[in-house]
């Protein structure tokens, strides 16, 4: 694998550029995806309602195949990140002391549902977009690197979920999703020749 990475850096600068951006996207999405699993027990509102809403976010997975014929994976990811960011901001404003802190728990659950749908849309698109960015020669290497690096960093998600100030994990997810939105925007979708 190390030889393929050296080849990727030396011969195909565009693939290396895309690989760096994809690593950022994978780290952001994987960390957010798993942080929410640990964080859900501390979110405002009913734990059971939040878990139920989290399960219904499977709609994000179901929407992507319907959007795929009309939009490329990059646009779907941009939409998913934007959806996540908008509702992370709403969730952050809902936290104790925020301007919406007295809002009904059902509204918070709706924010959480829409945020999680955006995360799910990006999660499924991450796997598919590699085929649009990398030649077959580098495809498996790109999957392996992105997945390994993101999973190793995601080991910190349970620790972040336990931070007493509940706004901190939500703000961290917001920052990660903003960085990934920018990284997705700059992806070069011209698939290299095989």
N, C-alpha and C. Protein backbone atom coordinates (compact mmCIF):
# COMPACT_ATOMS: atom_id res chain seq x y z
N UNK A 1 0.83 -1.19 0.00
CA UNK A 1 0.00 0.00 0.00
C UNK A 1 0.88 1.25 0.00
N UNK A 2 2.00 1.19 0.69
CA UNK A 2 2.87 2.35 0.76
C UNK A 2 3.38 2.73 -0.63
N UNK A 3 3.66 1.72 -1.46
CA UNK A 3 4.12 1.98 -2.83
C UNK A 3 3.06 2.68 -3.66
N UNK A 4 1.80 2.29 -3.47
CA UNK A 4 0.71 2.94 -4.21
C UNK A 4 0.54 4.39 -3.79
N UNK A 5 0.75 4.66 -2.51
CA UNK A 5 0.62 6.04 -2.02
C UNK A 5 1.70 6.91 -2.64
N UNK A 6 2.93 6.38 -2.69
CA UNK A 6 4.04 7.13 -3.30
C UNK A 6 3.75 7.37 -4.78
N UNK A 7 3.24 6.35 -5.47
CA UNK A 7 2.87 6.51 -6.89
C UNK A 7 1.80 7.57 -7.05
N UNK A 8 0.81 7.54 -6.14
CA UNK A 8 -0.28 8.50 -6.21
C UNK A 8 0.24 9.93 -6.07
N UNK A 9 1.16 10.15 -5.14
CA UNK A 9 1.70 11.48 -4.91
C UNK A 9 2.55 11.93 -6.09
N UNK A 10 3.39 11.05 -6.61
CA UNK A 10 4.34 11.44 -7.65
C UNK A 10 3.70 11.59 -9.02
N UNK A 11 2.77 10.74 -9.38
CA UNK A 11 2.27 10.70 -10.76
C UNK A 11 0.95 11.43 -10.97
N UNK A 12 0.12 11.46 -9.98
CA UNK A 12 -1.22 11.98 -10.20
C UNK A 12 -1.57 13.00 -9.12
N UNK A 13 -1.14 14.22 -9.34
CA UNK A 13 -1.33 15.28 -8.33
C UNK A 13 -2.82 15.57 -8.09
N UNK A 14 -3.64 15.46 -9.12
CA UNK A 14 -5.07 15.71 -8.94
C UNK A 14 -5.70 14.67 -8.03
N UNK A 15 -5.33 13.42 -8.18
CA UNK A 15 -5.84 12.38 -7.29
C UNK A 15 -5.37 12.61 -5.87
N UNK A 16 -4.14 13.05 -5.70
CA UNK A 16 -3.61 13.33 -4.36
C UNK A 16 -4.38 14.50 -3.74
N UNK A 17 -4.66 15.52 -4.53
CA UNK A 17 -5.44 16.68 -4.09
C UNK A 17 -6.83 16.22 -3.63
N UNK A 18 -7.49 15.43 -4.46
CA UNK A 18 -8.82 14.92 -4.12
C UNK A 18 -8.77 14.01 -2.89
N UNK A 19 -7.70 13.24 -2.78
CA UNK A 19 -7.56 12.35 -1.62
C UNK A 19 -7.50 13.15 -0.33
N UNK A 20 -6.75 14.23 -0.31
CA UNK A 20 -6.67 15.09 0.88
C UNK A 20 -8.03 15.65 1.25
N UNK A 21 -8.77 16.11 0.26
CA UNK A 21 -10.11 16.67 0.52
C UNK A 21 -11.07 15.58 0.99
N UNK A 22 -10.96 14.40 0.38
CA UNK A 22 -11.85 13.31 0.78
C UNK A 22 -11.55 12.83 2.20
N UNK A 23 -10.29 12.86 2.59
CA UNK A 23 -9.96 12.49 3.97
C UNK A 23 -10.65 13.45 4.94
N UNK A 24 -10.64 14.74 4.64
CA UNK A 24 -11.35 15.72 5.48
C UNK A 24 -12.85 15.41 5.54
N UNK A 25 -13.43 15.10 4.39
CA UNK A 25 -14.86 14.78 4.35
C UNK A 25 -15.18 13.52 5.16
N UNK A 26 -14.36 12.49 5.00
CA UNK A 26 -14.57 11.25 5.75
C UNK A 26 -14.43 11.49 7.25
N UNK A 27 -13.40 12.22 7.66
CA UNK A 27 -13.21 12.48 9.09
C UNK A 27 -14.42 13.21 9.65
N UNK A 28 -14.85 14.25 8.95
CA UNK A 28 -16.00 15.04 9.41
C UNK A 28 -17.25 14.19 9.53
N UNK A 29 -17.57 13.47 8.47
CA UNK A 29 -18.82 12.73 8.46
C UNK A 29 -18.81 11.55 9.42
N UNK A 30 -17.73 10.80 9.43
CA UNK A 30 -17.65 9.64 10.33
C UNK A 30 -17.66 10.08 11.79
N UNK A 31 -16.89 11.12 12.11
CA UNK A 31 -16.86 11.62 13.48
C UNK A 31 -18.25 12.10 13.89
N UNK A 32 -18.90 12.86 13.03
CA UNK A 32 -20.25 13.36 13.33
C UNK A 32 -21.23 12.21 13.49
N UNK A 33 -21.18 11.26 12.56
CA UNK A 33 -22.11 10.13 12.56
C UNK A 33 -22.03 9.35 13.87
N UNK A 34 -20.81 9.06 14.32
CA UNK A 34 -20.66 8.26 15.53
C UNK A 34 -20.76 9.09 16.80
N UNK A 35 -20.40 10.36 16.75
CA UNK A 35 -20.56 11.23 17.91
C UNK A 35 -22.04 11.34 18.28
N UNK A 36 -22.89 11.45 17.30
CA UNK A 36 -24.33 11.57 17.56
C UNK A 36 -24.86 10.32 18.26
N UNK A 37 -24.33 9.16 17.90
CA UNK A 37 -24.79 7.93 18.55
C UNK A 37 -24.52 7.98 20.06
N UNK A 38 -23.36 8.52 20.44
CA UNK A 38 -23.04 8.62 21.86
C UNK A 38 -23.69 9.82 22.52
N UNK A 39 -23.91 10.87 21.76
CA UNK A 39 -24.42 12.13 22.30
C UNK A 39 -25.94 12.12 22.49
N UNK A 40 -26.64 11.25 21.81
CA UNK A 40 -28.10 11.30 21.79
C UNK A 40 -28.69 11.20 23.20
N UNK A 41 -28.02 10.52 24.11
CA UNK A 41 -28.57 10.39 25.46
C UNK A 41 -28.52 11.70 26.25
N UNK A 42 -27.70 12.65 25.80
CA UNK A 42 -27.58 13.93 26.49
C UNK A 42 -28.32 15.07 25.80
N UNK A 43 -28.87 14.82 24.63
CA UNK A 43 -29.56 15.89 23.90
C UNK A 43 -30.84 16.27 24.62
N UNK A 44 -31.26 17.53 24.48
CA UNK A 44 -32.51 17.96 25.10
C UNK A 44 -33.69 17.14 24.57
N UNK A 45 -34.69 17.02 25.36
CA UNK A 45 -35.87 16.28 24.93
C UNK A 45 -35.81 14.85 25.42
N UNK A 46 -36.77 14.09 24.99
CA UNK A 46 -36.90 12.70 25.39
C UNK A 46 -35.86 11.83 24.68
N UNK A 47 -35.16 11.01 25.45
CA UNK A 47 -34.19 10.08 24.88
C UNK A 47 -34.86 9.15 23.87
N UNK A 48 -36.05 8.69 24.22
CA UNK A 48 -36.76 7.76 23.34
C UNK A 48 -37.19 8.43 22.05
N UNK A 49 -37.66 9.66 22.17
CA UNK A 49 -38.06 10.40 20.96
C UNK A 49 -36.84 10.66 20.08
N UNK A 50 -35.74 11.06 20.69
CA UNK A 50 -34.53 11.32 19.91
C UNK A 50 -34.00 10.06 19.23
N UNK A 51 -34.07 8.92 19.91
CA UNK A 51 -33.64 7.66 19.30
C UNK A 51 -34.57 7.26 18.16
N UNK A 52 -35.86 7.46 18.36
CA UNK A 52 -36.83 7.15 17.31
C UNK A 52 -36.58 8.03 16.09
N UNK A 53 -36.37 9.30 16.33
CA UNK A 53 -36.08 10.24 15.25
C UNK A 53 -34.77 9.87 14.56
N UNK A 54 -33.80 9.47 15.33
CA UNK A 54 -32.51 9.05 14.76
C UNK A 54 -32.70 7.86 13.83
N UNK A 55 -33.57 6.94 14.20
CA UNK A 55 -33.86 5.79 13.34
C UNK A 55 -34.56 6.20 12.06
N UNK A 56 -35.45 7.17 12.15
CA UNK A 56 -36.16 7.64 10.95
C UNK A 56 -35.25 8.40 9.99
N UNK A 57 -34.06 8.76 10.44
CA UNK A 57 -33.14 9.46 9.54
C UNK A 57 -32.66 8.56 8.41
N UNK A 58 -33.08 7.31 8.42
CA UNK A 58 -32.81 6.41 7.30
C UNK A 58 -33.38 6.99 6.00
N UNK A 59 -34.30 7.92 6.13
CA UNK A 59 -34.87 8.60 4.97
C UNK A 59 -33.75 9.27 4.16
N UNK A 60 -32.71 9.77 4.86
CA UNK A 60 -31.57 10.36 4.17
C UNK A 60 -30.91 9.36 3.22
N UNK A 61 -30.84 8.09 3.64
CA UNK A 61 -30.27 7.05 2.78
C UNK A 61 -31.18 6.77 1.58
N UNK A 62 -32.47 6.86 1.80
CA UNK A 62 -33.43 6.54 0.74
C UNK A 62 -33.57 7.66 -0.28
N UNK A 63 -33.28 8.89 0.12
CA UNK A 63 -33.42 10.04 -0.77
C UNK A 63 -32.29 10.09 -1.80
N UNK A 64 -31.10 9.68 -1.40
CA UNK A 64 -29.92 9.79 -2.28
C UNK A 64 -30.11 9.06 -3.61
N UNK A 65 -30.59 7.82 -3.64
CA UNK A 65 -30.78 7.17 -4.95
C UNK A 65 -31.80 7.89 -5.84
N UNK A 66 -32.74 8.59 -5.23
CA UNK A 66 -33.71 9.35 -6.02
C UNK A 66 -33.09 10.62 -6.60
N UNK A 67 -32.13 11.19 -5.87
CA UNK A 67 -31.46 12.40 -6.34
C UNK A 67 -30.34 12.10 -7.34
N UNK A 68 -29.77 10.91 -7.26
CA UNK A 68 -28.59 10.55 -8.07
C UNK A 68 -28.77 10.72 -9.58
N UNK A 69 -29.92 10.40 -10.16
CA UNK A 69 -30.06 10.61 -11.61
C UNK A 69 -30.02 12.09 -12.03
N UNK A 70 -30.37 12.98 -11.14
CA UNK A 70 -30.44 14.40 -11.48
C UNK A 70 -29.21 15.19 -11.06
N UNK A 71 -28.54 14.74 -10.00
CA UNK A 71 -27.42 15.49 -9.44
C UNK A 71 -26.22 14.57 -9.27
N UNK A 72 -25.01 15.14 -9.42
CA UNK A 72 -23.83 14.33 -9.16
C UNK A 72 -23.61 14.20 -7.65
N UNK A 73 -22.74 13.29 -7.27
CA UNK A 73 -22.52 13.01 -5.85
C UNK A 73 -21.98 14.21 -5.08
N UNK A 74 -21.21 15.02 -5.75
CA UNK A 74 -20.67 16.22 -5.10
C UNK A 74 -21.80 17.16 -4.68
N UNK A 75 -22.75 17.36 -5.55
CA UNK A 75 -23.89 18.23 -5.21
C UNK A 75 -24.75 17.63 -4.10
N UNK A 76 -24.92 16.33 -4.13
CA UNK A 76 -25.68 15.67 -3.07
C UNK A 76 -24.96 15.86 -1.73
N UNK A 77 -23.64 15.72 -1.74
CA UNK A 77 -22.87 15.93 -0.51
C UNK A 77 -22.96 17.38 -0.05
N UNK A 78 -22.88 18.32 -0.98
CA UNK A 78 -23.01 19.74 -0.62
C UNK A 78 -24.37 20.00 0.03
N UNK A 79 -25.42 19.42 -0.53
CA UNK A 79 -26.76 19.57 0.03
C UNK A 79 -26.83 18.95 1.42
N UNK A 80 -26.28 17.74 1.58
CA UNK A 80 -26.30 17.06 2.88
C UNK A 80 -25.55 17.84 3.95
N UNK A 81 -24.36 18.36 3.58
CA UNK A 81 -23.61 19.16 4.55
C UNK A 81 -24.34 20.45 4.90
N UNK A 82 -24.94 21.09 3.90
CA UNK A 82 -25.70 22.32 4.16
C UNK A 82 -26.87 22.05 5.09
N UNK A 83 -27.58 20.97 4.84
CA UNK A 83 -28.71 20.58 5.71
C UNK A 83 -28.22 20.34 7.14
N UNK A 84 -27.12 19.63 7.26
CA UNK A 84 -26.55 19.36 8.59
C UNK A 84 -26.15 20.65 9.30
N UNK A 85 -25.50 21.54 8.58
CA UNK A 85 -25.02 22.79 9.17
C UNK A 85 -26.19 23.65 9.65
N UNK A 86 -27.20 23.79 8.81
CA UNK A 86 -28.36 24.62 9.18
C UNK A 86 -29.00 24.11 10.47
N UNK A 87 -29.18 22.79 10.56
CA UNK A 87 -29.86 22.28 11.74
C UNK A 87 -28.93 22.07 12.93
N UNK A 88 -27.63 22.01 12.71
CA UNK A 88 -26.69 22.07 13.84
C UNK A 88 -26.72 23.46 14.48
N UNK A 89 -26.82 24.49 13.66
CA UNK A 89 -26.94 25.86 14.19
C UNK A 89 -28.23 25.97 15.01
N UNK A 90 -29.32 25.43 14.47
CA UNK A 90 -30.59 25.46 15.21
C UNK A 90 -30.47 24.69 16.53
N UNK A 91 -29.80 23.54 16.50
CA UNK A 91 -29.61 22.76 17.73
C UNK A 91 -28.74 23.51 18.72
N UNK A 92 -27.73 24.19 18.23
CA UNK A 92 -26.84 24.97 19.10
C UNK A 92 -27.59 26.12 19.76
N UNK A 93 -28.47 26.76 19.01
CA UNK A 93 -29.29 27.83 19.58
C UNK A 93 -30.29 27.30 20.60
N UNK A 94 -30.62 26.02 20.49
CA UNK A 94 -31.58 25.39 21.39
C UNK A 94 -30.95 25.02 22.73
N UNK A 95 -29.64 24.84 22.76
CA UNK A 95 -28.96 24.42 23.99
C UNK A 95 -29.30 25.39 25.12
N UNK A 96 -29.13 24.93 26.35
CA UNK A 96 -29.45 25.75 27.52
C UNK A 96 -28.81 27.13 27.44
N UNK A 97 -29.62 28.12 27.67
CA UNK A 97 -29.13 29.48 27.61
C UNK A 97 -29.21 30.08 26.22
N UNK A 98 -29.52 29.25 25.22
CA UNK A 98 -29.65 29.75 23.86
C UNK A 98 -30.98 30.45 23.67
N UNK A 99 -31.15 31.07 22.51
CA UNK A 99 -32.37 31.85 22.31
C UNK A 99 -33.61 30.98 22.15
N UNK A 100 -33.43 29.69 21.83
CA UNK A 100 -34.59 28.80 21.71
C UNK A 100 -34.67 27.81 22.86
N UNK A 101 -34.02 28.09 23.96
CA UNK A 101 -33.92 27.10 25.03
C UNK A 101 -35.28 26.72 25.63
N UNK A 102 -36.28 27.56 25.47
CA UNK A 102 -37.59 27.23 26.02
C UNK A 102 -38.52 26.58 24.99
N UNK A 103 -37.99 26.30 23.80
CA UNK A 103 -38.79 25.71 22.73
C UNK A 103 -39.18 24.27 23.07
N UNK A 104 -40.28 23.84 22.52
CA UNK A 104 -40.80 22.50 22.72
C UNK A 104 -39.79 21.44 22.29
N UNK A 105 -39.75 20.33 23.02
CA UNK A 105 -38.84 19.23 22.71
C UNK A 105 -39.14 18.59 21.36
N UNK A 106 -40.38 18.66 20.93
CA UNK A 106 -40.75 18.09 19.64
C UNK A 106 -40.07 18.85 18.50
N UNK A 107 -39.95 20.15 18.65
CA UNK A 107 -39.26 20.96 17.64
C UNK A 107 -37.79 20.61 17.60
N UNK A 108 -37.20 20.41 18.78
CA UNK A 108 -35.80 20.00 18.82
C UNK A 108 -35.62 18.65 18.12
N UNK A 109 -36.54 17.73 18.33
CA UNK A 109 -36.47 16.43 17.67
C UNK A 109 -36.55 16.57 16.15
N UNK A 110 -37.34 17.51 15.67
CA UNK A 110 -37.41 17.78 14.23
C UNK A 110 -36.07 18.29 13.72
N UNK A 111 -35.46 19.21 14.46
CA UNK A 111 -34.12 19.71 14.09
C UNK A 111 -33.13 18.56 14.04
N UNK A 112 -33.17 17.70 15.05
CA UNK A 112 -32.27 16.56 15.13
C UNK A 112 -32.48 15.61 13.96
N UNK A 113 -33.75 15.36 13.62
CA UNK A 113 -34.08 14.49 12.50
C UNK A 113 -33.50 15.03 11.18
N UNK A 114 -33.70 16.30 10.92
CA UNK A 114 -33.22 16.89 9.67
C UNK A 114 -31.69 16.94 9.63
N UNK A 115 -31.07 17.24 10.76
CA UNK A 115 -29.61 17.19 10.84
C UNK A 115 -29.10 15.78 10.52
N UNK A 116 -29.71 14.78 11.14
CA UNK A 116 -29.26 13.39 10.95
C UNK A 116 -29.54 12.91 9.52
N UNK A 117 -30.60 13.40 8.89
CA UNK A 117 -30.85 13.07 7.48
C UNK A 117 -29.71 13.59 6.60
N UNK A 118 -29.26 14.82 6.87
CA UNK A 118 -28.14 15.38 6.11
C UNK A 118 -26.88 14.56 6.29
N UNK A 119 -26.60 14.13 7.53
CA UNK A 119 -25.43 13.30 7.80
C UNK A 119 -25.54 11.98 7.06
N UNK A 120 -26.71 11.38 7.06
CA UNK A 120 -26.92 10.11 6.37
C UNK A 120 -26.76 10.24 4.86
N UNK A 121 -27.24 11.35 4.31
CA UNK A 121 -27.08 11.58 2.86
C UNK A 121 -25.61 11.64 2.48
N UNK A 122 -24.82 12.33 3.28
CA UNK A 122 -23.39 12.44 2.99
C UNK A 122 -22.71 11.09 3.20
N UNK A 123 -23.11 10.37 4.24
CA UNK A 123 -22.47 9.10 4.56
C UNK A 123 -22.56 8.13 3.39
N UNK A 124 -23.72 8.02 2.77
CA UNK A 124 -23.87 7.11 1.64
C UNK A 124 -23.14 7.65 0.40
N UNK A 125 -23.13 8.95 0.22
CA UNK A 125 -22.48 9.55 -0.95
C UNK A 125 -20.96 9.44 -0.88
N UNK A 126 -20.40 9.39 0.32
CA UNK A 126 -18.95 9.27 0.48
C UNK A 126 -18.41 8.02 -0.21
N UNK A 127 -19.15 6.95 -0.12
CA UNK A 127 -18.70 5.70 -0.71
C UNK A 127 -18.79 5.73 -2.23
N UNK A 128 -19.79 6.39 -2.75
CA UNK A 128 -20.03 6.39 -4.20
C UNK A 128 -19.14 7.39 -4.94
N UNK A 129 -18.84 8.51 -4.33
CA UNK A 129 -18.11 9.58 -5.01
C UNK A 129 -16.67 9.18 -5.36
N UNK A 130 -16.12 8.24 -4.65
CA UNK A 130 -14.74 7.81 -4.95
C UNK A 130 -14.61 7.35 -6.41
N UNK A 131 -15.65 6.74 -6.93
CA UNK A 131 -15.60 6.26 -8.32
C UNK A 131 -15.56 7.40 -9.32
N UNK A 132 -16.03 8.57 -8.91
CA UNK A 132 -15.99 9.75 -9.77
C UNK A 132 -14.68 10.52 -9.65
N UNK A 133 -13.90 10.22 -8.63
CA UNK A 133 -12.69 11.00 -8.36
C UNK A 133 -11.39 10.27 -8.69
N UNK A 134 -11.40 8.96 -8.59
CA UNK A 134 -10.16 8.20 -8.69
C UNK A 134 -10.26 7.12 -9.77
N UNK A 135 -9.12 6.84 -10.40
CA UNK A 135 -9.07 5.74 -11.37
C UNK A 135 -9.16 4.43 -10.59
N UNK A 136 -9.44 3.38 -11.31
CA UNK A 136 -9.53 2.05 -10.71
C UNK A 136 -8.23 1.69 -10.00
N UNK A 137 -7.14 2.17 -10.53
CA UNK A 137 -5.81 1.90 -9.97
C UNK A 137 -5.69 2.39 -8.52
N UNK A 138 -6.31 3.51 -8.20
CA UNK A 138 -6.19 4.11 -6.88
C UNK A 138 -7.47 4.00 -6.04
N UNK A 139 -8.50 3.38 -6.60
CA UNK A 139 -9.80 3.35 -5.93
C UNK A 139 -9.75 2.65 -4.57
N UNK A 140 -9.22 1.45 -4.53
CA UNK A 140 -9.16 0.71 -3.27
C UNK A 140 -8.26 1.41 -2.26
N UNK A 141 -7.16 1.98 -2.73
CA UNK A 141 -6.24 2.70 -1.83
C UNK A 141 -6.94 3.92 -1.23
N UNK A 142 -7.70 4.64 -2.05
CA UNK A 142 -8.39 5.83 -1.53
C UNK A 142 -9.43 5.45 -0.49
N UNK A 143 -10.19 4.38 -0.74
CA UNK A 143 -11.15 3.90 0.26
C UNK A 143 -10.44 3.53 1.56
N UNK A 144 -9.38 2.77 1.42
CA UNK A 144 -8.66 2.29 2.60
C UNK A 144 -8.08 3.41 3.44
N UNK A 145 -7.43 4.36 2.78
CA UNK A 145 -6.83 5.48 3.52
C UNK A 145 -7.90 6.34 4.21
N UNK A 146 -8.91 6.71 3.45
CA UNK A 146 -9.97 7.56 4.02
C UNK A 146 -10.66 6.86 5.19
N UNK A 147 -11.01 5.61 5.01
CA UNK A 147 -11.72 4.87 6.05
C UNK A 147 -10.85 4.66 7.28
N UNK A 148 -9.59 4.28 7.08
CA UNK A 148 -8.70 4.02 8.22
C UNK A 148 -8.44 5.29 9.02
N UNK A 149 -8.08 6.37 8.35
CA UNK A 149 -7.79 7.62 9.06
C UNK A 149 -9.02 8.13 9.80
N UNK A 150 -10.17 8.10 9.13
CA UNK A 150 -11.38 8.61 9.78
C UNK A 150 -11.80 7.74 10.96
N UNK A 151 -11.67 6.44 10.84
CA UNK A 151 -12.06 5.55 11.96
C UNK A 151 -11.13 5.71 13.16
N UNK A 152 -9.85 5.88 12.90
CA UNK A 152 -8.91 6.07 14.01
C UNK A 152 -9.24 7.36 14.76
N UNK A 153 -9.49 8.45 14.04
CA UNK A 153 -9.82 9.72 14.70
C UNK A 153 -11.19 9.68 15.37
N UNK A 154 -12.08 8.85 14.85
CA UNK A 154 -13.42 8.74 15.42
C UNK A 154 -13.40 8.03 16.77
N UNK A 155 -12.31 7.41 17.10
CA UNK A 155 -12.20 6.79 18.43
C UNK A 155 -12.37 7.84 19.54
N UNK A 156 -12.15 9.10 19.23
CA UNK A 156 -12.33 10.16 20.22
C UNK A 156 -13.77 10.62 20.39
N UNK A 157 -14.68 10.15 19.56
CA UNK A 157 -16.08 10.60 19.64
C UNK A 157 -16.72 10.35 21.00
N UNK A 158 -16.55 9.18 21.62
CA UNK A 158 -17.19 8.98 22.94
C UNK A 158 -16.66 9.94 24.00
N UNK A 159 -15.40 10.32 23.88
CA UNK A 159 -14.83 11.27 24.85
C UNK A 159 -15.44 12.65 24.68
N UNK A 160 -15.63 13.07 23.44
CA UNK A 160 -16.24 14.38 23.17
C UNK A 160 -17.70 14.39 23.65
N UNK A 161 -18.40 13.26 23.48
CA UNK A 161 -19.80 13.19 23.91
C UNK A 161 -19.95 13.36 25.41
N UNK A 162 -18.92 13.06 26.17
CA UNK A 162 -19.00 13.14 27.64
C UNK A 162 -18.61 14.51 28.19
N UNK A 163 -18.28 15.46 27.34
CA UNK A 163 -17.96 16.81 27.82
C UNK A 163 -19.21 17.39 28.48
N UNK A 164 -19.09 17.89 29.72
CA UNK A 164 -20.27 18.36 30.45
C UNK A 164 -21.05 19.48 29.75
N UNK A 165 -20.36 20.40 29.10
CA UNK A 165 -21.04 21.47 28.38
C UNK A 165 -21.56 20.90 27.06
N UNK A 166 -22.85 20.69 26.96
CA UNK A 166 -23.46 20.03 25.80
C UNK A 166 -23.32 20.82 24.50
N UNK A 167 -23.05 22.09 24.60
CA UNK A 167 -22.90 22.89 23.39
C UNK A 167 -21.57 22.59 22.68
N UNK A 168 -20.58 22.12 23.42
CA UNK A 168 -19.26 21.87 22.83
C UNK A 168 -19.30 20.79 21.75
N UNK A 169 -19.90 19.60 22.01
CA UNK A 169 -19.95 18.60 20.93
C UNK A 169 -20.74 19.07 19.71
N UNK A 170 -21.83 19.79 19.95
CA UNK A 170 -22.64 20.29 18.83
C UNK A 170 -21.83 21.31 18.03
N UNK A 171 -21.11 22.18 18.73
CA UNK A 171 -20.27 23.18 18.04
C UNK A 171 -19.14 22.51 17.28
N UNK A 172 -18.56 21.46 17.83
CA UNK A 172 -17.51 20.72 17.13
C UNK A 172 -18.05 20.09 15.85
N UNK A 173 -19.24 19.50 15.93
CA UNK A 173 -19.84 18.92 14.72
C UNK A 173 -20.10 20.01 13.69
N UNK A 174 -20.51 21.18 14.15
CA UNK A 174 -20.75 22.31 13.25
C UNK A 174 -19.46 22.70 12.52
N UNK A 175 -18.38 22.83 13.25
CA UNK A 175 -17.09 23.18 12.65
C UNK A 175 -16.65 22.11 11.66
N UNK A 176 -16.75 20.84 12.05
CA UNK A 176 -16.35 19.74 11.16
C UNK A 176 -17.16 19.75 9.87
N UNK A 177 -18.46 19.97 9.98
CA UNK A 177 -19.30 19.98 8.79
C UNK A 177 -19.03 21.20 7.91
N UNK A 178 -18.69 22.33 8.50
CA UNK A 178 -18.32 23.51 7.70
C UNK A 178 -17.03 23.25 6.93
N UNK A 179 -16.04 22.65 7.59
CA UNK A 179 -14.78 22.32 6.92
C UNK A 179 -15.04 21.34 5.77
N UNK A 180 -15.86 20.33 6.03
CA UNK A 180 -16.16 19.34 4.99
C UNK A 180 -16.95 19.94 3.84
N UNK A 181 -17.82 20.90 4.13
CA UNK A 181 -18.57 21.57 3.06
C UNK A 181 -17.61 22.28 2.12
N UNK A 182 -16.63 22.98 2.68
CA UNK A 182 -15.63 23.67 1.86
C UNK A 182 -14.80 22.66 1.09
N UNK A 183 -14.38 21.58 1.74
CA UNK A 183 -13.58 20.55 1.07
C UNK A 183 -14.37 19.93 -0.09
N UNK A 184 -15.64 19.67 0.12
CA UNK A 184 -16.48 19.09 -0.94
C UNK A 184 -16.61 20.05 -2.11
N UNK A 185 -16.75 21.32 -1.81
CA UNK A 185 -16.88 22.33 -2.86
C UNK A 185 -15.66 22.32 -3.78
N UNK A 186 -14.48 22.10 -3.23
CA UNK A 186 -13.25 22.16 -4.02
C UNK A 186 -12.83 20.83 -4.63
N UNK A 187 -13.64 19.79 -4.48
CA UNK A 187 -13.31 18.52 -5.13
C UNK A 187 -13.30 18.69 -6.65
N UNK A 188 -12.37 18.04 -7.31
CA UNK A 188 -12.29 18.08 -8.77
C UNK A 188 -12.95 16.82 -9.31
N UNK A 189 -14.10 17.01 -9.91
CA UNK A 189 -14.93 15.88 -10.33
C UNK A 189 -14.51 15.26 -11.66
N UNK A 190 -13.58 15.84 -12.37
CA UNK A 190 -13.15 15.25 -13.63
C UNK A 190 -12.41 13.96 -13.37
N UNK A 191 -13.07 12.87 -13.68
CA UNK A 191 -12.49 11.56 -13.42
C UNK A 191 -11.28 11.34 -14.31
N UNK A 192 -10.11 11.01 -13.73
CA UNK A 192 -8.93 10.77 -14.55
C UNK A 192 -9.12 9.58 -15.48
N UNK A 193 -8.40 9.60 -16.58
CA UNK A 193 -8.47 8.51 -17.54
C UNK A 193 -7.80 7.27 -16.96
N UNK A 194 -8.35 6.09 -17.29
CA UNK A 194 -7.81 4.81 -16.78
C UNK A 194 -6.58 4.41 -17.55
